[in-house]
Amino acid sequence: MTSTAFISRRQALQHSLLLPLVAGVSSAAASADPTAADRSATVLVAYFTRTGNTRLIATQIARALDATLFQIAPAAAYPEDYEAQVAQAEDERQRGYEPPLQATVPDLSSYETVFLGFPIWGMTAPSVIRSFLSQHDLSGKTLVPFITHGGYGLGSSLAVVAERAPGARLIDGFSKQCDQERETLREVTEWLASVEIGR
């Protein structure tokens, strides 16, 4: 992929798809309170990312709303190797394991709205998101999900969020299909089979 194509995809994501969500939240806040700009610090954007797709959306939301950005990360990083990461994620999901977090949000009570971003893993939210929701009481807060996936949809992720944050006001969020790593790996494997090196 050329850098020009990459930039175009980023621009399309940032301007065409994400801005309606951000604009809707911004205008709702402004109509409720004329000093909404002064209250932007009460918005938190918390996200978990592995490939950077979710980070791209998170940083755009934070920039547009002048919000606080917080990266959710497990205390022990997931494997860099895709297949090893998939195996670990599936094991965690089946065991109901919630990995310890590298850090928690300081002074969570000061935030009124939380944007929560993550990729879909195994047709649901990653275990680290379950950990985040278990360790942070979002009661009374507005919770806005933004989710990336590889083409199979949201699975049970929203049900997980609703179950783990029962006291929050969950509103419609944003979802985006992004690069599917498994498909990319399959295509590369097929291509390598046709490459003749030193034969």
Protein backbone atom coordinates (compact mmCIF):
# COMPACT_ATOMS: atom_id res chain seq x y z
CA MET A 1 0.00 0.00 0.00
CA THR A 2 1.36 3.42 -0.89
CA SER A 3 1.62 6.18 1.69
CA THR A 4 -0.88 8.20 -0.36
CA ALA A 5 -3.47 5.42 -0.09
CA PHE A 6 -2.84 5.17 3.64
CA ILE A 7 -3.33 8.89 4.14
CA SER A 8 -6.52 8.83 2.11
CA ARG A 9 -7.91 6.02 4.23
CA ARG A 10 -7.03 7.90 7.42
CA GLN A 11 -8.64 11.07 6.12
CA ALA A 12 -11.78 9.21 5.11
CA LEU A 13 -11.99 7.63 8.55
CA GLN A 14 -11.36 10.86 10.40
CA HIS A 15 -13.53 13.22 8.38
CA SER A 16 -16.30 11.20 6.71
CA LEU A 17 -17.14 8.60 9.33
CA LEU A 18 -16.11 9.83 12.75
CA LEU A 19 -17.08 13.49 12.69
CA PRO A 20 -20.88 12.87 12.71
CA LEU A 21 -20.51 10.96 15.99
CA VAL A 22 -18.31 13.61 17.56
CA ALA A 23 -20.43 16.45 16.22
CA GLY A 24 -23.57 14.84 17.62
CA VAL A 25 -22.08 14.52 21.08
CA SER A 26 -20.61 18.04 20.93
CA SER A 27 -23.84 19.70 19.83
CA ALA A 28 -25.84 17.80 22.46
CA ALA A 29 -23.50 19.04 25.15
CA ALA A 30 -23.56 22.58 23.80
CA SER A 31 -27.36 22.70 23.71
CA ALA A 32 -27.53 21.49 27.30
CA ASP A 33 -24.94 23.95 28.60
CA PRO A 34 -23.63 27.10 26.90
CA THR A 35 -20.30 26.63 28.69
CA ALA A 36 -19.80 23.11 27.31
CA ALA A 37 -16.35 24.07 25.99
CA ASP A 38 -15.28 24.77 29.56
CA ARG A 39 -16.48 21.31 30.59
CA SER A 40 -14.53 19.37 27.92
CA ALA A 41 -12.15 18.12 30.60
CA THR A 42 -15.01 16.01 31.93
CA VAL A 43 -14.79 13.74 28.86
CA LEU A 44 -12.52 10.68 28.97
CA VAL A 45 -11.51 8.65 25.93
CA ALA A 46 -10.30 5.23 27.10
CA TYR A 47 -9.17 2.74 24.51
CA PHE A 48 -7.39 -0.56 23.95
CA THR A 49 -5.56 -1.12 20.68
CA ARG A 50 -3.28 -3.73 19.20
CA THR A 51 -2.67 -2.66 15.61
CA GLY A 52 -3.34 1.07 16.01
CA ASN A 53 -6.75 1.24 14.29
CA THR A 54 -8.60 1.95 17.53
CA ARG A 55 -5.94 4.45 18.60
CA LEU A 56 -6.55 6.45 15.40
CA ILE A 57 -10.22 6.85 16.27
CA ALA A 58 -9.49 7.53 19.95
CA THR A 59 -7.07 10.34 19.21
CA GLN A 60 -9.52 11.95 16.78
CA ILE A 61 -12.29 11.92 19.39
CA ALA A 62 -9.97 13.32 22.05
CA ARG A 63 -8.76 16.05 19.70
CA ALA A 64 -12.26 17.03 18.59
CA LEU A 65 -13.62 17.17 22.15
CA ASP A 66 -10.44 18.35 23.89
CA ALA A 67 -10.84 15.26 26.08
CA THR A 68 -8.48 13.26 28.26
CA LEU A 69 -6.92 10.26 26.48
CA PHE A 70 -6.22 7.05 28.40
CA GLN A 71 -4.75 3.89 26.88
CA ILE A 72 -5.97 0.64 28.40
CA ALA A 73 -3.15 -1.89 28.56
CA PRO A 74 -2.67 -5.23 30.31
CA ALA A 75 0.16 -5.45 32.84
CA ALA A 76 1.72 -8.17 30.68
CA ALA A 77 1.59 -7.27 27.00
CA TYR A 78 -0.09 -9.61 24.55
CA PRO A 79 2.24 -11.50 22.17
CA GLU A 80 3.37 -9.63 19.06
CA ASP A 81 2.75 -12.74 16.96
CA TYR A 82 -0.83 -12.64 15.70
CA GLU A 83 -1.57 -16.37 16.02
CA ALA A 84 -0.13 -16.47 19.55
CA GLN A 85 -2.24 -13.45 20.50
CA VAL A 86 -5.38 -15.07 19.12
CA ALA A 87 -4.68 -18.26 21.09
CA GLN A 88 -4.13 -16.33 24.32
CA ALA A 89 -7.24 -14.22 23.81
CA GLU A 90 -9.35 -17.33 23.20
CA ASP A 91 -7.93 -19.00 26.32
CA GLU A 92 -8.74 -15.92 28.41
CA ARG A 93 -12.25 -15.74 27.02
CA GLN A 94 -13.01 -19.40 27.71
CA ARG A 95 -11.65 -19.19 31.27
CA GLY A 96 -13.36 -15.88 31.99
CA TYR A 97 -9.95 -14.51 32.90
CA GLU A 98 -9.57 -10.77 33.40
CA PRO A 99 -5.90 -9.77 33.05
CA PRO A 100 -4.46 -7.21 35.47
CA LEU A 101 -4.17 -3.72 34.03
CA GLN A 102 -1.00 -1.70 33.66
CA ALA A 103 -2.82 1.28 35.19
CA THR A 104 -6.28 2.52 36.13
CA VAL A 105 -7.86 5.92 35.46
CA PRO A 106 -6.96 8.41 38.19
CA ASP A 107 -9.88 10.44 39.58
CA LEU A 108 -12.51 8.72 37.45
CA SER A 109 -15.23 10.57 39.38
CA SER A 110 -14.30 13.81 37.61
CA TYR A 111 -15.48 12.51 34.22
CA GLU A 112 -19.11 12.70 33.15
CA THR A 113 -18.75 11.01 29.75
CA VAL A 114 -16.53 8.06 28.84
CA PHE A 115 -15.82 7.03 25.27
CA LEU A 116 -14.68 3.39 25.35
CA GLY A 117 -12.82 1.98 22.36
CA PHE A 118 -11.63 -1.52 21.54
CA PRO A 119 -11.30 -4.07 18.72
CA ILE A 120 -13.48 -7.16 18.46
CA TRP A 121 -11.64 -10.33 19.46
CA GLY A 122 -13.35 -13.68 18.95
CA MET A 123 -16.73 -12.00 18.33
CA THR A 124 -16.69 -10.15 21.65
CA ALA A 125 -14.86 -7.55 23.69
CA PRO A 126 -11.27 -8.43 24.66
CA SER A 127 -10.72 -9.69 28.20
CA VAL A 128 -8.74 -6.56 29.01
CA ILE A 129 -11.92 -4.52 28.42
CA ARG A 130 -13.75 -6.71 30.90
CA SER A 131 -10.94 -5.95 33.34
CA PHE A 132 -11.28 -2.23 32.71
CA LEU A 133 -15.04 -2.29 33.28
CA SER A 134 -14.68 -4.41 36.42
CA GLN A 135 -12.14 -2.01 37.91
CA HIS A 136 -13.90 1.25 37.05
CA ASP A 137 -17.35 2.16 38.35
CA LEU A 138 -19.10 3.99 35.50
CA SER A 139 -22.40 4.40 37.34
CA GLY A 140 -24.12 7.65 36.45
CA LYS A 141 -21.82 8.32 33.51
CA THR A 142 -22.62 8.45 29.81
CA LEU A 143 -20.79 5.59 28.08
CA VAL A 144 -20.12 5.81 24.35
CA PRO A 145 -18.49 2.78 22.67
CA PHE A 146 -16.37 2.93 19.53
CA ILE A 147 -15.40 -0.41 18.10
CA THR A 148 -13.20 -1.74 15.31
CA HIS A 149 -13.68 -5.16 13.75
CA GLY A 150 -12.42 -7.31 10.92
CA GLY A 151 -15.70 -7.70 9.07
CA TYR A 152 -17.70 -10.03 11.30
CA GLY A 153 -19.56 -7.35 13.20
CA LEU A 154 -19.83 -6.52 16.88
CA GLY A 155 -20.70 -9.97 18.21
CA SER A 156 -21.59 -9.91 21.91
CA SER A 157 -19.39 -6.92 22.70
CA LEU A 158 -22.17 -4.45 23.47
CA ALA A 159 -23.87 -6.98 25.74
CA VAL A 160 -20.57 -7.35 27.63
CA VAL A 161 -20.29 -3.58 28.03
CA ALA A 162 -23.90 -3.27 29.19
CA GLU A 163 -23.48 -6.13 31.67
CA ARG A 164 -20.20 -4.81 33.11
CA ALA A 165 -21.37 -1.19 33.36
CA PRO A 166 -24.98 -1.55 34.52
CA GLY A 167 -25.19 1.89 36.08
CA ALA A 168 -23.97 3.77 33.02
CA ARG A 169 -26.12 5.39 30.36
CA LEU A 170 -25.02 3.44 27.28
CA ILE A 171 -25.66 5.31 24.04
CA ASP A 172 -25.17 4.42 20.38
CA GLY A 173 -21.54 4.58 19.36
CA PHE A 174 -19.38 4.07 16.33
CA SER A 175 -18.06 0.95 14.62
CA LYS A 176 -15.64 0.56 11.74
CA GLN A 177 -14.42 -2.41 9.73
CA CYS A 178 -10.64 -2.31 9.58
CA ASP A 179 -7.91 -4.51 8.16
CA GLN A 180 -8.46 -8.21 8.79
CA GLU A 181 -5.12 -9.63 9.89
CA ARG A 182 -6.06 -13.28 9.37
CA GLU A 183 -6.99 -12.59 5.74
CA THR A 184 -3.76 -10.68 5.22
CA LEU A 185 -1.70 -13.56 6.63
CA ARG A 186 -3.53 -16.05 4.40
CA GLU A 187 -2.82 -13.97 1.30
CA VAL A 188 0.85 -13.59 2.23
CA THR A 189 1.17 -17.35 2.77
CA GLU A 190 -0.35 -18.05 -0.63
CA TRP A 191 1.98 -15.53 -2.25
CA LEU A 192 5.08 -16.97 -0.55
CA ALA A 193 4.22 -20.40 -1.93
CA SER A 194 4.76 -18.99 -5.42
CA VAL A 195 8.01 -17.19 -4.66
CA GLU A 196 11.12 -18.98 -5.89
CA ILE A 197 14.15 -18.11 -3.80
CA GLY A 198 17.34 -20.00 -4.62
CA ARG A 199 15.50 -22.79 -6.36
